[in-house]
Amino acid sequence: MFISSAYAQAATGASTQDTLLSMLPLVLMFVVLYFVMIRPQMRKAKEHKLMVEALAKGDEVVTAGGFLGKVTKIGEAYIGVELASDVEVQMQRSAVVQVLPKGTIK
């Protein structure tokens, strides 16, 4: 009475070409994201890793906390950095953000 009869329509299967065309924008967005964000970040991480591995005694560095200092001891995971005369701290190698040219710190 109040409920009308529902008639099923003949279902037509979506073609493979329509499915691929609907996925194309998603694939294109991922490709653009890879080249704009992911690839440069991986390159920057690789450069930082090479810089940290190449640290040597006497290098002048900037730490993640903003301190300037001279590397005095090199360990496998930690380095000793002299911040001022008679002030030496130990920190993780990965905390080094930048290696400065020699003679920058006076």
N, C-alpha and C. Protein backbone atom coordinates (compact mmCIF):
# COMPACT_ATOMS: atom_id res chain seq x y z
N MET A 1 0.80 -1.17 0.00
CA MET A 1 0.00 0.00 0.00
C MET A 1 0.87 1.26 0.00
N PHE A 2 1.62 1.50 1.12
CA PHE A 2 2.48 2.66 1.16
C PHE A 2 3.85 2.40 0.55
N ILE A 3 4.22 1.16 0.45
CA ILE A 3 5.52 0.79 -0.09
C ILE A 3 5.35 0.47 -1.56
N SER A 4 6.12 1.21 -2.36
CA SER A 4 6.01 0.94 -3.79
C SER A 4 6.94 -0.21 -4.16
N SER A 5 6.63 -0.85 -5.20
CA SER A 5 7.44 -1.97 -5.64
C SER A 5 8.73 -1.45 -6.26
N ALA A 6 9.84 -2.09 -5.92
CA ALA A 6 11.14 -1.69 -6.47
C ALA A 6 11.49 -2.66 -7.58
N TYR A 7 11.86 -2.08 -8.68
CA TYR A 7 12.23 -2.91 -9.82
C TYR A 7 13.73 -2.76 -10.05
N ALA A 8 14.41 -3.85 -10.14
CA ALA A 8 15.85 -3.83 -10.37
C ALA A 8 16.11 -3.51 -11.83
N GLN A 9 17.01 -2.61 -12.04
CA GLN A 9 17.39 -2.28 -13.40
C GLN A 9 18.46 -3.25 -13.84
N ALA A 10 18.58 -3.41 -15.08
CA ALA A 10 19.61 -4.30 -15.60
C ALA A 10 20.97 -3.67 -15.33
N ALA A 11 21.83 -4.37 -14.61
CA ALA A 11 23.15 -3.86 -14.25
C ALA A 11 24.09 -4.01 -15.43
N THR A 12 24.73 -2.91 -15.76
CA THR A 12 25.72 -2.96 -16.84
C THR A 12 27.09 -2.89 -16.21
N GLY A 13 27.99 -3.76 -16.54
CA GLY A 13 29.34 -3.79 -15.98
C GLY A 13 30.17 -2.64 -16.54
N ALA A 14 30.95 -1.99 -15.67
CA ALA A 14 31.81 -0.90 -16.10
C ALA A 14 32.97 -1.48 -16.90
N SER A 15 33.30 -0.82 -17.95
CA SER A 15 34.39 -1.33 -18.77
C SER A 15 35.73 -1.07 -18.10
N THR A 16 36.73 -1.81 -18.50
CA THR A 16 38.07 -1.68 -17.94
C THR A 16 38.66 -0.31 -18.25
N GLN A 17 38.34 0.20 -19.40
CA GLN A 17 38.87 1.52 -19.79
C GLN A 17 38.32 2.62 -18.89
N ASP A 18 37.04 2.54 -18.52
CA ASP A 18 36.46 3.53 -17.63
C ASP A 18 37.11 3.48 -16.25
N THR A 19 37.40 2.27 -15.79
CA THR A 19 38.05 2.12 -14.49
C THR A 19 39.46 2.72 -14.51
N LEU A 20 40.21 2.48 -15.56
CA LEU A 20 41.56 3.03 -15.67
C LEU A 20 41.53 4.55 -15.76
N LEU A 21 40.58 5.10 -16.49
CA LEU A 21 40.48 6.55 -16.61
C LEU A 21 40.09 7.20 -15.28
N SER A 22 39.30 6.50 -14.47
CA SER A 22 38.94 7.06 -13.18
C SER A 22 40.10 7.00 -12.19
N MET A 23 41.05 6.07 -12.39
CA MET A 23 42.22 5.96 -11.52
C MET A 23 43.35 6.88 -11.94
N LEU A 24 43.30 7.39 -13.15
CA LEU A 24 44.38 8.22 -13.69
C LEU A 24 44.67 9.47 -12.85
N PRO A 25 43.68 10.24 -12.40
CA PRO A 25 44.01 11.41 -11.57
C PRO A 25 44.72 11.05 -10.27
N LEU A 26 44.33 9.93 -9.66
CA LEU A 26 44.99 9.49 -8.42
C LEU A 26 46.45 9.13 -8.67
N VAL A 27 46.70 8.43 -9.75
CA VAL A 27 48.07 8.05 -10.09
C VAL A 27 48.90 9.28 -10.41
N LEU A 28 48.34 10.21 -11.15
CA LEU A 28 49.06 11.45 -11.48
C LEU A 28 49.38 12.27 -10.23
N MET A 29 48.45 12.31 -9.28
CA MET A 29 48.70 13.05 -8.03
C MET A 29 49.85 12.41 -7.25
N PHE A 30 49.91 11.08 -7.22
CA PHE A 30 50.99 10.41 -6.52
C PHE A 30 52.33 10.68 -7.19
N VAL A 31 52.37 10.67 -8.51
CA VAL A 31 53.62 10.93 -9.24
C VAL A 31 54.11 12.34 -8.96
N VAL A 32 53.21 13.32 -8.98
CA VAL A 32 53.59 14.71 -8.69
C VAL A 32 54.06 14.82 -7.25
N LEU A 33 53.37 14.20 -6.32
CA LEU A 33 53.77 14.22 -4.91
C LEU A 33 55.17 13.63 -4.73
N TYR A 34 55.46 12.55 -5.43
CA TYR A 34 56.77 11.92 -5.33
C TYR A 34 57.87 12.88 -5.77
N PHE A 35 57.69 13.53 -6.93
CA PHE A 35 58.75 14.39 -7.46
C PHE A 35 58.84 15.73 -6.73
N VAL A 36 57.75 16.19 -6.14
CA VAL A 36 57.77 17.50 -5.48
C VAL A 36 58.16 17.39 -4.01
N MET A 37 57.76 16.32 -3.31
CA MET A 37 58.00 16.26 -1.88
C MET A 37 58.92 15.12 -1.45
N ILE A 38 58.65 13.92 -1.88
CA ILE A 38 59.35 12.76 -1.36
C ILE A 38 60.79 12.69 -1.85
N ARG A 39 61.01 12.86 -3.13
CA ARG A 39 62.36 12.75 -3.69
C ARG A 39 63.33 13.79 -3.14
N PRO A 40 62.96 15.09 -3.09
CA PRO A 40 63.89 16.07 -2.50
C PRO A 40 64.19 15.80 -1.03
N GLN A 41 63.20 15.31 -0.28
CA GLN A 41 63.43 15.01 1.13
C GLN A 41 64.41 13.84 1.28
N MET A 42 64.29 12.83 0.42
CA MET A 42 65.23 11.70 0.47
C MET A 42 66.64 12.16 0.11
N ARG A 43 66.76 13.06 -0.86
CA ARG A 43 68.07 13.56 -1.26
C ARG A 43 68.70 14.36 -0.12
N LYS A 44 67.90 15.18 0.56
CA LYS A 44 68.42 15.98 1.67
C LYS A 44 68.86 15.08 2.83
N ALA A 45 68.11 14.02 3.10
CA ALA A 45 68.49 13.08 4.17
C ALA A 45 69.79 12.37 3.82
N LYS A 46 69.96 12.03 2.55
CA LYS A 46 71.20 11.36 2.12
C LYS A 46 72.40 12.30 2.27
N GLU A 47 72.23 13.58 1.90
CA GLU A 47 73.32 14.54 2.05
C GLU A 47 73.68 14.75 3.51
N HIS A 48 72.67 14.79 4.41
CA HIS A 48 72.93 14.96 5.83
C HIS A 48 73.68 13.76 6.39
N LYS A 49 73.30 12.56 5.96
CA LYS A 49 73.98 11.35 6.42
C LYS A 49 75.44 11.35 5.99
N LEU A 50 75.72 11.74 4.75
CA LEU A 50 77.10 11.80 4.27
C LEU A 50 77.90 12.85 5.04
N MET A 51 77.28 14.00 5.35
CA MET A 51 77.96 15.05 6.10
C MET A 51 78.31 14.57 7.51
N VAL A 52 77.37 13.89 8.16
CA VAL A 52 77.60 13.41 9.53
C VAL A 52 78.69 12.33 9.54
N GLU A 53 78.71 11.48 8.53
CA GLU A 53 79.74 10.44 8.47
C GLU A 53 81.12 11.01 8.20
N ALA A 54 81.18 12.18 7.56
CA ALA A 54 82.47 12.77 7.19
C ALA A 54 83.02 13.70 8.27
N LEU A 55 82.37 13.79 9.42
CA LEU A 55 82.87 14.65 10.49
C LEU A 55 84.25 14.20 10.94
N ALA A 56 85.11 15.18 11.25
CA ALA A 56 86.46 14.89 11.72
C ALA A 56 86.82 15.84 12.85
N LYS A 57 87.86 15.50 13.60
CA LYS A 57 88.32 16.38 14.67
C LYS A 57 88.72 17.72 14.08
N GLY A 58 88.36 18.79 14.78
CA GLY A 58 88.73 20.12 14.34
C GLY A 58 87.67 20.78 13.47
N ASP A 59 86.67 20.04 13.02
CA ASP A 59 85.59 20.65 12.23
C ASP A 59 84.78 21.58 13.12
N GLU A 60 84.37 22.69 12.55
CA GLU A 60 83.51 23.63 13.26
C GLU A 60 82.09 23.39 12.79
N VAL A 61 81.18 23.18 13.76
CA VAL A 61 79.84 22.74 13.42
C VAL A 61 78.78 23.61 14.09
N VAL A 62 77.57 23.55 13.53
CA VAL A 62 76.38 24.13 14.13
C VAL A 62 75.49 22.97 14.53
N THR A 63 75.00 22.97 15.77
CA THR A 63 74.17 21.88 16.25
C THR A 63 72.70 22.22 16.04
N ALA A 64 71.84 21.22 16.26
CA ALA A 64 70.41 21.42 16.11
C ALA A 64 69.87 22.43 17.11
N GLY A 65 70.55 22.59 18.23
CA GLY A 65 70.14 23.57 19.23
C GLY A 65 70.64 24.97 18.94
N GLY A 66 71.45 25.13 17.90
CA GLY A 66 71.94 26.44 17.52
C GLY A 66 73.31 26.78 18.08
N PHE A 67 73.95 25.83 18.77
CA PHE A 67 75.28 26.08 19.32
C PHE A 67 76.35 25.95 18.24
N LEU A 68 77.37 26.80 18.33
CA LEU A 68 78.54 26.70 17.47
C LEU A 68 79.65 26.08 18.29
N GLY A 69 80.37 25.15 17.71
CA GLY A 69 81.45 24.52 18.45
C GLY A 69 82.41 23.81 17.54
N LYS A 70 83.49 23.33 18.17
CA LYS A 70 84.54 22.63 17.44
C LYS A 70 84.55 21.18 17.90
N VAL A 71 84.59 20.25 16.95
CA VAL A 71 84.59 18.82 17.26
C VAL A 71 85.94 18.45 17.85
N THR A 72 85.90 17.83 19.05
CA THR A 72 87.13 17.43 19.73
C THR A 72 87.28 15.92 19.81
N LYS A 73 86.18 15.20 19.89
CA LYS A 73 86.22 13.74 19.97
C LYS A 73 85.20 13.17 19.00
N ILE A 74 85.58 12.06 18.38
CA ILE A 74 84.68 11.38 17.45
C ILE A 74 84.43 9.97 17.94
N GLY A 75 83.18 9.63 18.12
CA GLY A 75 82.79 8.26 18.48
C GLY A 75 81.89 7.71 17.39
N GLU A 76 81.43 6.49 17.61
CA GLU A 76 80.58 5.87 16.61
C GLU A 76 79.22 6.54 16.54
N ALA A 77 78.62 6.83 17.69
CA ALA A 77 77.29 7.44 17.73
C ALA A 77 77.32 8.85 18.31
N TYR A 78 78.37 9.18 19.08
CA TYR A 78 78.45 10.47 19.76
C TYR A 78 79.72 11.21 19.38
N ILE A 79 79.66 12.53 19.50
CA ILE A 79 80.85 13.36 19.28
C ILE A 79 81.00 14.30 20.47
N GLY A 80 82.24 14.72 20.71
CA GLY A 80 82.50 15.73 21.72
C GLY A 80 82.67 17.07 21.03
N VAL A 81 81.95 18.07 21.51
CA VAL A 81 82.00 19.39 20.89
C VAL A 81 82.40 20.40 21.96
N GLU A 82 83.44 21.18 21.65
CA GLU A 82 83.89 22.24 22.55
C GLU A 82 83.14 23.51 22.19
N LEU A 83 82.29 23.97 23.13
CA LEU A 83 81.49 25.16 22.89
C LEU A 83 82.24 26.43 23.25
N ALA A 84 83.05 26.36 24.30
CA ALA A 84 83.89 27.47 24.73
C ALA A 84 85.13 26.84 25.37
N SER A 85 86.09 27.68 25.76
CA SER A 85 87.28 27.10 26.38
C SER A 85 86.86 26.41 27.69
N ASP A 86 87.30 25.18 27.85
CA ASP A 86 87.00 24.34 29.01
C ASP A 86 85.51 23.97 29.14
N VAL A 87 84.74 24.09 28.07
CA VAL A 87 83.33 23.66 28.08
C VAL A 87 83.13 22.69 26.92
N GLU A 88 83.03 21.42 27.27
CA GLU A 88 82.86 20.40 26.24
C GLU A 88 81.61 19.59 26.54
N VAL A 89 80.84 19.34 25.51
CA VAL A 89 79.62 18.55 25.67
C VAL A 89 79.67 17.37 24.71
N GLN A 90 78.94 16.32 25.08
CA GLN A 90 78.79 15.18 24.19
C GLN A 90 77.40 15.24 23.59
N MET A 91 77.30 14.94 22.31
CA MET A 91 76.01 14.93 21.65
C MET A 91 75.99 13.89 20.55
N GLN A 92 74.81 13.59 20.10
CA GLN A 92 74.67 12.62 19.01
C GLN A 92 75.18 13.23 17.72
N ARG A 93 75.72 12.37 16.88
CA ARG A 93 76.24 12.85 15.59
C ARG A 93 75.13 13.48 14.76
N SER A 94 73.93 12.92 14.84
CA SER A 94 72.83 13.42 14.02
C SER A 94 72.37 14.81 14.43
N ALA A 95 72.83 15.32 15.58
CA ALA A 95 72.45 16.66 16.03
C ALA A 95 73.22 17.75 15.30
N VAL A 96 74.21 17.37 14.50
CA VAL A 96 74.97 18.35 13.72
C VAL A 96 74.15 18.72 12.50
N VAL A 97 73.92 20.02 12.34
CA VAL A 97 73.10 20.51 11.24
C VAL A 97 73.96 20.98 10.07
N GLN A 98 75.10 21.58 10.40
CA GLN A 98 75.92 22.18 9.35
C GLN A 98 77.39 22.16 9.77
N VAL A 99 78.26 21.94 8.81
CA VAL A 99 79.69 22.06 9.05
C VAL A 99 80.13 23.40 8.47
N LEU A 100 80.76 24.22 9.33
CA LEU A 100 81.18 25.56 8.91
C LEU A 100 82.58 25.53 8.32
N PRO A 101 82.93 26.53 7.53
CA PRO A 101 84.31 26.63 7.03
C PRO A 101 85.27 26.86 8.19
N LYS A 102 86.50 26.38 8.03
CA LYS A 102 87.51 26.53 9.08
C LYS A 102 87.73 28.02 9.37
N GLY A 103 87.88 28.35 10.64
CA GLY A 103 88.16 29.72 11.05
C GLY A 103 86.91 30.56 11.26
N THR A 104 85.75 29.98 11.17
CA THR A 104 84.52 30.75 11.37
C THR A 104 84.34 31.13 12.83
N ILE A 105 84.65 30.19 13.72
CA ILE A 105 84.52 30.45 15.15
C ILE A 105 85.84 31.01 15.66
N LYS A 106 85.78 32.14 16.35
CA LYS A 106 87.02 32.75 16.86
C LYS A 106 87.04 32.76 18.35
